[in-house]
């Protein structure tokens, strides 16, 4: 039997995954393959070889083929979508040959360049953005920069290898250089300002180096001979414009309308809000990119996620002789049962710096207000959980101040393993929370959705991107609505927390002055 469907490819930081879905977007098979960072690099340096991604793509495709159900003899791939880790700096020459290892989103070598470009352009340019990496390369590796004819991202590189074309989805492109919301292309006045900054360098203008910006549904190329051989598919198979992992995660969470917010809690915390207009000014708490259709996305990112809460769970679990799974099941249940004020406890979860909140010295996670009456494990674990939710709310206030709507939070990440925490999040933000039935599918499924949208656009059947995503929503998604009484209680605790946060910042400043 031949089954028609879509391929989604997701090239992450540690490995690559491929899913094959049927025409109704049900995942029928998946394959994965891992790769590593290059060894023996200085602290803060993270690089990979594009050849490793290519080999992983080949192996993951073979694994996916082997995992197909026995009743499927062959597959017909209608279109391919690609997701990749954002902000990397892939440099290639005129012939499309990669110019050495790729510095990744987590490489820390261009903090100064990010701040310099922020000051120059008047928009947030985090050190992760590719343009800041390119400015560093111009100054520290001038010969390599001189040989560069193309700059792209990991996802853009895989798309180039598969199709021979230098295209990139608008969301991933926004992670390279700011997008003008009027033209839905790179901001030309900022391109000019960048070129003027580096006018003494013997390199091509930045606009000639960057890939062509494409939106969801637009032409992204088709498999060339190399791509066909790599994936074992016919040459000419349509390929959607490659997107970044964050835009693909939004797609996989079916988020397309302004006011919808994707929230993921894990080691770090990320909230991506769909906006109806560009953000004004610069905030250290908010980064910016685009959804696959070009809508502006405002991202509040916290370095300090659930690590502190997890540490408390494991500590209490070990003391009680529980294994990790039993500890989380038992103690998260106790945390959910605890009162909103945690018996008077407050926690600070700062196991690391949190620049967006003004915390410049990590390692000060603590629980305060402890006494014999409130020392229960459930209170302490819940205080750790609330601290992260409160930090996210604090970081989101700048969006509230500019009048961006927040109609619904879509929960993903580690907290989905304890769905009841969705009610706490709904009460803390006083906003509806939805837990997707497809929450575990990830960016590869979002990439497959982009493939399907590309295919339907070719047939003239797609409609608009937001409507396309809404058509895939499941009726059995779990929903949590704010409890007015609990929301009032959490708001009172939040006010106490913000005061503690302000005291903490002054405390850290005093410690630095005492040491220096």
Protein backbone atom coordinates (compact mmCIF):
# COMPACT_ATOMS: atom_id res chain seq x y z
CA UNK A 1 0.00 0.00 0.00
CA UNK A 2 1.21 3.51 -0.84
CA UNK A 3 0.54 6.20 1.75
CA UNK A 4 0.60 9.88 0.85
CA UNK A 5 1.76 12.43 3.39
CA UNK A 6 4.36 14.94 4.58
CA UNK A 7 7.90 14.92 5.94
CA UNK A 8 9.00 17.16 8.81
CA UNK A 9 12.73 17.57 9.55
CA UNK A 10 13.94 19.19 12.79
CA UNK A 11 17.68 19.84 13.25
CA UNK A 12 18.15 20.66 16.92
CA UNK A 13 21.19 21.40 19.04
CA UNK A 14 21.88 17.78 19.96
CA UNK A 15 20.31 15.79 17.18
CA UNK A 16 17.99 15.62 14.20
CA UNK A 17 14.54 14.06 13.97
CA UNK A 18 12.26 13.27 11.03
CA UNK A 19 8.56 12.47 11.11
CA UNK A 20 6.28 11.21 8.37
CA UNK A 21 2.59 12.07 8.68
CA UNK A 22 -0.41 11.04 6.65
CA UNK A 23 -2.51 13.66 4.86
CA UNK A 24 -4.44 14.30 8.10
CA UNK A 25 -1.19 15.06 9.97
CA UNK A 26 -1.20 11.86 12.04
CA UNK A 27 2.41 10.83 12.72
CA UNK A 28 3.00 7.37 11.23
CA UNK A 29 6.75 6.99 11.78
CA UNK A 30 9.76 8.86 13.13
CA UNK A 31 13.53 8.56 13.01
CA UNK A 32 16.33 10.29 14.90
CA UNK A 33 20.10 10.65 14.84
CA UNK A 34 22.43 12.48 17.22
CA UNK A 35 25.50 14.68 16.79
CA UNK A 36 27.76 16.57 19.18
CA UNK A 37 29.59 19.83 19.61
CA UNK A 38 33.16 20.02 18.39
CA UNK A 39 35.49 19.04 21.23
CA UNK A 40 38.25 21.02 22.96
CA UNK A 41 36.81 24.49 22.35
CA UNK A 42 37.36 27.31 24.86
CA UNK A 43 34.69 27.90 27.52
CA UNK A 44 31.58 29.51 26.04
CA UNK A 45 32.36 28.39 22.47
CA UNK A 46 29.94 26.01 20.75
CA UNK A 47 30.45 24.82 17.17
CA UNK A 48 29.26 21.99 14.94
CA UNK A 49 30.07 20.70 11.46
CA UNK A 50 27.29 20.95 8.84
CA UNK A 51 28.38 17.57 7.49
CA UNK A 52 27.23 16.07 10.80
CA UNK A 53 23.73 17.48 10.27
CA UNK A 54 23.67 16.10 6.74
CA UNK A 55 24.74 12.64 7.88
CA UNK A 56 22.18 12.73 10.70
CA UNK A 57 19.47 13.66 8.17
CA UNK A 58 20.35 10.63 6.06
CA UNK A 59 20.39 8.29 9.07
CA UNK A 60 17.17 9.69 10.56
CA UNK A 61 15.41 9.21 7.22
CA UNK A 62 16.55 5.61 7.11
CA UNK A 63 15.31 5.13 10.67
CA UNK A 64 11.94 6.65 9.83
CA UNK A 65 11.58 4.36 6.81
CA UNK A 66 12.35 1.34 8.99
CA UNK A 67 9.75 2.44 11.54
CA UNK A 68 6.85 2.61 9.07
CA UNK A 69 3.92 0.32 9.91
CA UNK A 70 3.99 -3.06 8.18
CA UNK A 71 0.89 -2.28 6.12
CA UNK A 72 2.69 0.60 4.36
CA UNK A 73 4.76 -0.62 1.43
CA UNK A 74 5.76 2.75 0.01
CA UNK A 75 5.23 6.41 0.80
CA UNK A 76 4.50 9.35 -1.47
CA UNK A 77 5.82 12.57 0.03
CA UNK A 78 3.73 15.53 -1.08
CA UNK A 79 6.01 18.16 0.49
CA UNK A 80 8.84 18.56 3.01
CA UNK A 81 9.16 21.05 5.86
CA UNK A 82 12.40 21.92 7.67
CA UNK A 83 13.02 23.26 11.18
CA UNK A 84 16.44 24.19 12.55
CA UNK A 85 18.11 25.71 15.60
CA UNK A 86 18.00 29.47 15.17
CA UNK A 87 20.74 32.13 15.17
CA UNK A 88 23.62 29.97 13.93
CA UNK A 89 26.16 31.41 11.50
CA UNK A 90 26.73 29.19 8.46
CA UNK A 91 29.20 30.79 6.05
CA UNK A 92 29.64 29.58 2.47
CA UNK A 93 31.62 30.67 -0.58
CA UNK A 94 30.51 31.37 -4.16
CA UNK A 95 30.38 27.65 -4.96
CA UNK A 96 28.20 26.88 -1.95
CA UNK A 97 31.05 25.26 0.00
CA UNK A 98 30.82 25.73 3.76
CA UNK A 99 33.68 27.76 5.22
CA UNK A 100 34.44 25.73 8.31
CA UNK A 101 32.55 24.95 11.54
CA UNK A 102 29.38 26.78 12.48
CA UNK A 103 29.01 28.90 15.61
CA UNK A 104 25.66 28.06 17.22
CA UNK A 105 22.97 30.03 19.06
CA UNK A 106 24.60 29.24 22.43
CA UNK A 107 28.08 30.48 21.46
CA UNK A 108 28.95 33.38 23.76
CA UNK A 109 31.65 35.18 21.77
CA UNK A 110 29.69 38.19 20.59
CA UNK A 111 27.95 39.74 23.59
CA UNK A 112 29.62 43.10 22.94
CA UNK A 113 28.60 43.08 19.27
CA UNK A 114 24.98 42.42 20.23
CA UNK A 115 24.93 45.44 22.54
CA UNK A 116 26.71 47.58 19.95
CA UNK A 117 24.10 46.73 17.30
CA UNK A 118 21.25 47.29 19.77
CA UNK A 119 22.56 50.80 20.41
CA UNK A 120 23.12 51.44 16.70
CA UNK A 121 19.81 50.13 15.36
CA UNK A 122 17.49 50.97 18.24
CA UNK A 123 16.02 47.48 18.42
CA UNK A 124 16.88 44.48 20.57
CA UNK A 125 19.83 42.62 19.01
CA UNK A 126 20.62 39.78 21.42
CA UNK A 127 24.05 38.21 21.28
CA UNK A 128 22.36 35.14 19.73
CA UNK A 129 21.27 36.98 16.57
CA UNK A 130 23.28 36.00 13.47
CA UNK A 131 24.10 39.61 12.57
CA UNK A 132 26.00 40.00 15.86
CA UNK A 133 27.93 36.82 15.07
CA UNK A 134 28.77 38.15 11.61
CA UNK A 135 30.04 41.43 13.08
CA UNK A 136 32.31 39.40 15.40
CA UNK A 137 33.57 37.34 12.44
CA UNK A 138 34.35 40.49 10.46
CA UNK A 139 36.55 41.71 13.28
CA UNK A 140 38.14 38.47 14.45
CA UNK A 141 38.25 36.28 11.31
CA UNK A 142 38.59 38.77 8.44
CA UNK A 143 39.96 36.29 5.89
CA UNK A 144 37.04 33.96 6.46
CA UNK A 145 34.65 36.89 6.17
CA UNK A 146 36.28 38.02 2.92
CA UNK A 147 35.65 34.59 1.36
CA UNK A 148 31.96 34.57 2.39
CA UNK A 149 29.32 34.84 -0.32
CA UNK A 150 26.36 33.47 1.65
CA UNK A 151 25.26 33.53 5.30
CA UNK A 152 22.47 31.29 6.53
CA UNK A 153 21.28 29.26 9.51
CA UNK A 154 21.45 25.49 10.17
CA UNK A 155 17.93 25.06 8.77
CA UNK A 156 18.80 27.27 5.82
CA UNK A 157 21.90 25.20 5.13
CA UNK A 158 19.93 21.95 5.02
CA UNK A 159 17.42 23.62 2.69
CA UNK A 160 20.26 24.76 0.43
CA UNK A 161 21.75 21.28 0.31
CA UNK A 162 18.37 19.73 -0.49
CA UNK A 163 17.31 22.30 -3.09
CA UNK A 164 20.35 24.31 -4.18
CA UNK A 165 18.53 27.57 -3.34
CA UNK A 166 19.35 30.22 -0.72
CA UNK A 167 15.86 30.74 0.75
CA UNK A 168 14.79 31.03 4.38
CA UNK A 169 11.48 31.25 6.21
CA UNK A 170 10.72 34.67 7.63
CA UNK A 171 10.80 33.50 11.26
CA UNK A 172 14.29 32.05 10.93
CA UNK A 173 15.36 35.08 8.87
CA UNK A 174 14.23 37.35 11.71
CA UNK A 175 16.72 35.50 13.90
CA UNK A 176 19.44 36.64 11.51
CA UNK A 177 18.47 40.30 11.06
CA UNK A 178 15.41 42.45 11.97
CA UNK A 179 12.38 42.25 9.68
CA UNK A 180 10.42 45.32 8.54
CA UNK A 181 6.75 44.63 9.29
CA UNK A 182 5.69 46.85 6.37
CA UNK A 183 7.68 45.04 3.68
CA UNK A 184 8.04 41.64 5.43
CA UNK A 185 11.67 41.65 4.34
CA UNK A 186 14.92 42.62 6.06
CA UNK A 187 14.79 46.17 7.39
CA UNK A 188 16.63 48.09 4.65
CA UNK A 189 17.46 51.17 6.70
CA UNK A 190 19.08 48.93 9.31
CA UNK A 191 20.93 47.02 6.60
CA UNK A 192 22.32 50.36 5.42
CA UNK A 193 23.36 51.29 8.96
CA UNK A 194 25.13 47.94 9.38
CA UNK A 195 26.99 48.33 6.09
CA UNK A 196 28.08 51.83 7.08
CA UNK A 197 29.41 50.47 10.38
CA UNK A 198 31.66 47.99 8.55
CA UNK A 199 32.36 50.10 5.44
CA UNK A 200 36.13 49.62 5.83
CA UNK A 201 35.83 45.82 5.59
CA UNK A 202 36.43 44.24 2.13
CA UNK A 203 33.21 42.21 2.18
CA UNK A 204 29.95 42.14 0.25
CA UNK A 205 27.01 44.27 1.47
CA UNK A 206 24.97 42.41 4.06
CA UNK A 207 21.86 42.37 1.90
CA UNK A 208 23.71 40.35 -0.74
CA UNK A 209 24.87 37.78 1.81
CA UNK A 210 21.56 37.00 3.50
CA UNK A 211 19.12 34.41 2.10
CA UNK A 212 15.89 35.42 0.37
CA UNK A 213 13.00 35.81 2.83
CA UNK A 214 10.00 33.55 2.23
CA UNK A 215 6.73 33.22 4.11
CA UNK A 216 4.73 30.08 4.87
CA UNK A 217 3.20 28.66 1.71
CA UNK A 218 5.64 30.39 -0.64
CA UNK A 219 8.13 28.66 -2.91
CA UNK A 220 11.00 27.07 -1.01
CA UNK A 221 12.51 25.03 -3.82
CA UNK A 222 12.37 21.34 -4.68
CA UNK A 223 14.64 18.36 -4.06
CA UNK A 224 17.71 18.41 -6.29
CA UNK A 225 19.74 15.31 -7.12
CA UNK A 226 21.76 15.48 -3.89
CA UNK A 227 18.61 15.95 -1.79
CA UNK A 228 16.83 13.11 -3.56
CA UNK A 229 19.76 10.76 -2.93
CA UNK A 230 20.08 11.84 0.71
CA UNK A 231 16.41 11.30 1.56
CA UNK A 232 15.65 8.49 -0.88
CA UNK A 233 12.82 10.49 -2.45
CA UNK A 234 12.10 11.63 -6.02
CA UNK A 235 13.85 14.74 -7.29
CA UNK A 236 11.39 17.62 -7.63
CA UNK A 237 9.56 16.93 -4.33
CA UNK A 238 8.43 20.37 -3.06
CA UNK A 239 10.23 21.86 -0.04
CA UNK A 240 8.69 24.55 2.18
CA UNK A 241 10.87 27.50 3.23
CA UNK A 242 13.07 26.35 6.12
CA UNK A 243 12.03 27.78 9.48
CA UNK A 244 13.60 28.17 12.90
CA UNK A 245 12.75 25.88 15.79
CA UNK A 246 10.79 28.59 17.61
CA UNK A 247 8.50 29.43 14.64
CA UNK A 248 8.05 25.68 14.03
CA UNK A 249 7.21 25.16 17.68
CA UNK A 250 4.55 27.86 17.33
CA UNK A 251 3.22 26.08 14.26
CA UNK A 252 3.19 22.76 16.12
CA UNK A 253 1.23 24.44 18.93
CA UNK A 254 -1.26 25.74 16.31
CA UNK A 255 -0.62 29.34 17.34
CA UNK A 256 -1.43 31.89 14.64
CA UNK A 257 -3.69 34.64 15.98
CA UNK A 258 -2.59 37.80 17.79
CA UNK A 259 -2.93 37.36 21.56
CA UNK A 260 -2.09 33.66 21.58
CA UNK A 261 1.00 32.82 23.69
CA UNK A 262 3.05 29.63 23.61
CA UNK A 263 4.54 28.93 27.05
CA UNK A 264 7.15 26.24 27.63
CA UNK A 265 8.53 25.44 31.10
CA UNK A 266 11.75 23.49 31.39
CA UNK A 267 15.37 24.19 32.33
CA UNK A 268 14.63 27.60 30.81
CA UNK A 269 11.23 29.18 30.19
CA UNK A 270 10.02 30.70 26.95
CA UNK A 271 6.81 32.60 26.19
CA UNK A 272 6.22 33.53 22.55
CA UNK A 273 3.40 36.02 22.03
CA UNK A 274 1.83 36.70 18.64
CA UNK A 275 1.48 40.45 18.16
CA UNK A 276 -0.64 42.60 15.88
CA UNK A 277 2.05 45.26 15.43
CA UNK A 278 5.79 45.77 16.02
CA UNK A 279 7.18 46.20 19.53
CA UNK A 280 8.30 49.76 20.36
CA UNK A 281 11.77 50.43 21.73
CA UNK A 282 14.14 48.06 23.52
CA UNK A 283 13.49 45.91 26.56
CA UNK A 284 16.12 43.59 28.07
CA UNK A 285 13.30 41.14 28.84
CA UNK A 286 11.90 40.80 25.30
CA UNK A 287 13.39 39.40 22.08
CA UNK A 288 11.73 39.60 18.69
CA UNK A 289 11.27 37.38 15.64
CA UNK A 290 8.38 36.41 13.34
CA UNK A 291 5.79 33.68 12.93
CA UNK A 292 5.96 31.72 9.64
CA UNK A 293 3.44 34.08 8.04
CA UNK A 294 5.36 37.18 9.16
CA UNK A 295 3.32 38.23 12.20
CA UNK A 296 5.61 39.75 14.85
CA UNK A 297 6.52 37.52 17.79
CA UNK A 298 7.62 38.92 21.15
CA UNK A 299 9.60 36.40 23.17
CA UNK A 300 10.05 36.57 26.93
CA UNK A 301 12.83 34.16 27.84
CA UNK A 302 13.99 33.15 31.32
CA UNK A 303 17.33 31.45 31.88
CA UNK A 304 16.11 30.23 35.28
CA UNK A 305 13.29 27.78 34.64
CA UNK A 306 12.18 24.81 36.73
CA UNK A 307 15.70 23.75 37.80
CA UNK A 308 15.28 25.14 41.33
CA UNK A 309 11.87 23.51 41.78
CA UNK A 310 13.28 20.22 40.46
CA UNK A 311 16.16 20.49 42.93
CA UNK A 312 13.70 20.81 45.80
CA UNK A 313 11.68 17.83 44.56
CA UNK A 314 14.78 15.65 44.27
CA UNK A 315 16.08 16.78 47.67
CA UNK A 316 12.84 15.91 49.48
CA UNK A 317 12.49 12.73 47.46
CA UNK A 318 15.95 11.49 48.38
CA UNK A 319 15.31 12.25 52.05
CA UNK A 320 12.17 10.09 51.85
CA UNK A 321 13.92 7.28 49.96
CA UNK A 322 11.98 7.83 46.71
CA UNK A 323 13.33 7.39 43.20
CA UNK A 324 13.08 10.39 40.88
CA UNK A 325 9.82 9.37 39.22
CA UNK A 326 8.08 8.67 42.53
CA UNK A 327 9.39 11.93 43.98
CA UNK A 328 7.94 14.01 41.18
CA UNK A 329 4.61 12.20 41.24
CA UNK A 330 4.27 12.56 45.01
CA UNK A 331 5.67 16.05 45.59
CA UNK A 332 4.07 17.74 42.60
CA UNK A 333 0.73 16.45 43.88
CA UNK A 334 1.49 18.03 47.27
CA UNK A 335 2.49 21.30 45.56
CA UNK A 336 -0.78 21.43 43.64
CA UNK A 337 -2.71 20.92 46.88
CA UNK A 338 -0.78 23.68 48.72
CA UNK A 339 -2.47 27.03 49.33
CA UNK A 340 -1.75 29.90 46.89
CA UNK A 341 0.37 31.71 49.50
CA UNK A 342 2.38 28.53 50.27
CA UNK A 343 1.81 29.17 53.96
CA UNK A 344 3.66 32.49 53.71
CA UNK A 345 6.71 31.19 51.83
CA UNK A 346 8.35 32.95 48.91
CA UNK A 347 11.17 31.56 46.78
CA UNK A 348 13.84 33.00 44.50
CA UNK A 349 14.81 30.53 41.74
CA UNK A 350 18.02 32.20 40.55
CA UNK A 351 20.48 29.37 40.03
CA UNK A 352 21.97 31.56 37.26
CA UNK A 353 21.88 35.15 36.04
CA UNK A 354 18.58 36.58 34.73
CA UNK A 355 19.48 39.68 32.67
CA UNK A 356 15.89 40.47 31.69
CA UNK A 357 14.97 40.91 35.36
CA UNK A 358 18.14 42.72 36.38
CA UNK A 359 19.67 39.73 38.19
CA UNK A 360 23.35 39.76 37.32
CA UNK A 361 24.67 37.30 39.84
CA UNK A 362 23.32 33.76 39.88
CA UNK A 363 23.49 31.09 42.54
CA UNK A 364 21.11 32.78 45.02
CA UNK A 365 18.11 30.46 44.88
CA UNK A 366 16.44 30.44 48.27
CA UNK A 367 13.22 30.02 50.21
CA UNK A 368 12.27 32.81 52.60
CA UNK A 369 9.64 33.05 55.33
CA UNK A 370 10.26 29.51 56.55
CA UNK A 371 8.92 28.55 59.98
CA UNK A 372 7.83 25.31 61.70
CA UNK A 373 4.21 25.76 60.60
CA UNK A 374 4.84 26.18 56.85
CA UNK A 375 7.91 23.97 56.33
CA UNK A 376 5.96 21.27 54.47
CA UNK A 377 7.58 20.00 51.29
CA UNK A 378 4.51 20.88 49.22
CA UNK A 379 4.70 24.54 50.26
CA UNK A 380 8.38 24.79 49.36
CA UNK A 381 8.03 23.05 45.99
CA UNK A 382 5.04 25.22 45.10
CA UNK A 383 6.95 28.35 46.10
CA UNK A 384 9.69 27.29 43.68
CA UNK A 385 7.13 26.74 40.90
CA UNK A 386 5.38 30.06 41.55
CA UNK A 387 8.69 31.93 41.50
CA UNK A 388 9.25 30.89 37.88
CA UNK A 389 5.65 31.71 36.89
CA UNK A 390 5.95 35.09 38.63
CA UNK A 391 9.22 35.85 36.82
CA UNK A 392 7.49 35.11 33.52
CA UNK A 393 4.62 37.39 34.47
CA UNK A 394 7.11 40.09 35.47
CA UNK A 395 8.90 39.80 32.13
CA UNK A 396 5.57 39.96 30.29
CA UNK A 397 4.51 43.23 31.91
CA UNK A 398 6.35 45.31 29.32
CA UNK A 399 4.04 43.76 26.71
CA UNK A 400 1.04 44.64 28.87
CA UNK A 401 2.30 48.22 29.08
CA UNK A 402 2.32 48.48 25.29
CA UNK A 403 -1.21 47.08 25.07
CA UNK A 404 -0.44 43.72 23.48
CA UNK A 405 -3.36 41.36 24.01
CA UNK A 406 -3.03 38.03 25.82
CA UNK A 407 -6.08 35.92 25.09
CA UNK A 408 -4.80 32.39 25.69
CA UNK A 409 -1.71 30.58 26.99
CA UNK A 410 -0.83 27.32 25.25
CA UNK A 411 1.24 25.19 27.63
CA UNK A 412 4.11 22.98 26.45
CA UNK A 413 7.33 21.60 27.91
CA UNK A 414 8.00 19.77 31.15
CA UNK A 415 4.94 21.00 33.08
CA UNK A 416 2.67 19.14 30.67
CA UNK A 417 3.72 15.99 32.54
CA UNK A 418 1.71 17.41 35.47
CA UNK A 419 -1.32 18.85 33.65
CA UNK A 420 -2.89 20.22 36.85
CA UNK A 421 -0.22 22.93 36.91
CA UNK A 422 -2.12 24.45 33.99
CA UNK A 423 -4.77 25.61 36.45
CA UNK A 424 -2.13 27.34 38.58
CA UNK A 425 -0.74 29.09 35.48
CA UNK A 426 -4.27 30.18 34.48
CA UNK A 427 -4.83 31.66 37.94
CA UNK A 428 -1.42 33.38 38.12
CA UNK A 429 -1.92 35.09 34.73
CA UNK A 430 -5.72 35.33 35.05
CA UNK A 431 -5.82 34.00 31.49
CA UNK A 432 -7.19 30.85 29.87
CA UNK A 433 -4.65 28.02 29.48
CA UNK A 434 -4.83 25.23 26.92
CA UNK A 435 -2.84 22.00 26.90
CA UNK A 436 -2.63 20.67 23.36
CA UNK A 437 -3.45 17.03 22.71
CA UNK A 438 -0.52 17.16 20.21
CA UNK A 439 1.87 18.84 22.68
CA UNK A 440 4.43 16.04 22.47
CA UNK A 441 4.91 16.18 18.70
CA UNK A 442 7.35 19.12 18.73
CA UNK A 443 9.04 21.14 16.00
CA UNK A 444 9.29 18.25 13.52
CA UNK A 445 5.51 18.06 13.40
CA UNK A 446 5.39 21.85 13.01
CA UNK A 447 7.78 21.49 10.06
CA UNK A 448 5.49 18.86 8.53
CA UNK A 449 2.61 21.32 8.90
CA UNK A 450 4.63 23.85 6.91
CA UNK A 451 5.08 21.19 4.25
CA UNK A 452 1.35 20.57 4.12
CA UNK A 453 0.60 24.29 3.89
CA UNK A 454 3.07 24.60 1.01
CA UNK A 455 1.38 21.70 -0.79
CA UNK A 456 -2.12 23.14 -0.30
CA UNK A 457 -0.94 26.58 -1.47
CA UNK A 458 0.33 24.99 -4.68
CA UNK A 459 -3.16 23.59 -5.19
CA UNK A 460 -4.87 26.87 -4.25
CA UNK A 461 -6.62 25.24 -1.28
CA UNK A 462 -4.76 26.62 1.74
CA UNK A 463 -6.46 29.85 2.79
CA UNK A 464 -4.59 31.98 5.34
CA UNK A 465 -1.99 30.62 7.78
CA UNK A 466 -3.94 31.31 10.99
CA UNK A 467 -7.05 29.66 9.61
CA UNK A 468 -5.01 26.68 8.42
CA UNK A 469 -3.59 26.18 11.92
CA UNK A 470 -7.01 26.56 13.56
CA UNK A 471 -8.38 23.82 11.32
CA UNK A 472 -6.02 21.32 13.00
CA UNK A 473 -7.10 22.09 16.58
CA UNK A 474 -8.39 19.06 18.48
CA UNK A 475 -11.70 19.18 20.33
CA UNK A 476 -10.24 17.16 23.20
CA UNK A 477 -7.52 19.66 24.16
CA UNK A 478 -7.46 20.22 27.94
CA UNK A 479 -8.50 23.72 28.96
CA UNK A 480 -8.15 25.61 32.24
CA UNK A 481 -10.05 28.79 33.04
CA UNK A 482 -9.02 31.17 35.85
CA UNK A 483 -10.71 30.74 39.20
CA UNK A 484 -11.55 34.32 40.28
CA UNK A 485 -10.92 33.68 43.99
CA UNK A 486 -7.61 31.93 43.36
CA UNK A 487 -6.55 34.58 40.82
CA UNK A 488 -7.07 37.27 43.47
CA UNK A 489 -5.01 35.31 45.99
CA UNK A 490 -2.16 34.76 43.53
CA UNK A 491 -2.20 38.46 42.60
CA UNK A 492 -1.61 39.32 46.27
CA UNK A 493 1.27 36.84 46.51
CA UNK A 494 2.70 38.25 43.27
CA UNK A 495 2.83 41.73 44.76
CA UNK A 496 4.87 40.38 47.68
CA UNK A 497 7.12 38.55 45.23
CA UNK A 498 7.86 41.65 43.15
CA UNK A 499 8.95 43.44 46.33
CA UNK A 500 11.26 40.53 47.19
CA UNK A 501 12.68 40.65 43.66
CA UNK A 502 13.47 44.35 44.03
CA UNK A 503 15.18 43.71 47.37
CA UNK A 504 17.17 40.86 45.80
CA UNK A 505 18.57 43.11 43.06
CA UNK A 506 19.76 45.64 45.66
CA UNK A 507 21.16 42.82 47.77
CA UNK A 508 23.22 41.51 44.86
CA UNK A 509 24.50 45.00 44.13
CA UNK A 510 25.61 45.35 47.76
CA UNK A 511 27.42 42.01 47.59
CA UNK A 512 29.27 43.04 44.43
CA UNK A 513 30.31 46.33 46.04
CA UNK A 514 31.52 44.51 49.17
CA UNK A 515 33.66 42.21 47.03
CA UNK A 516 35.04 44.88 44.80
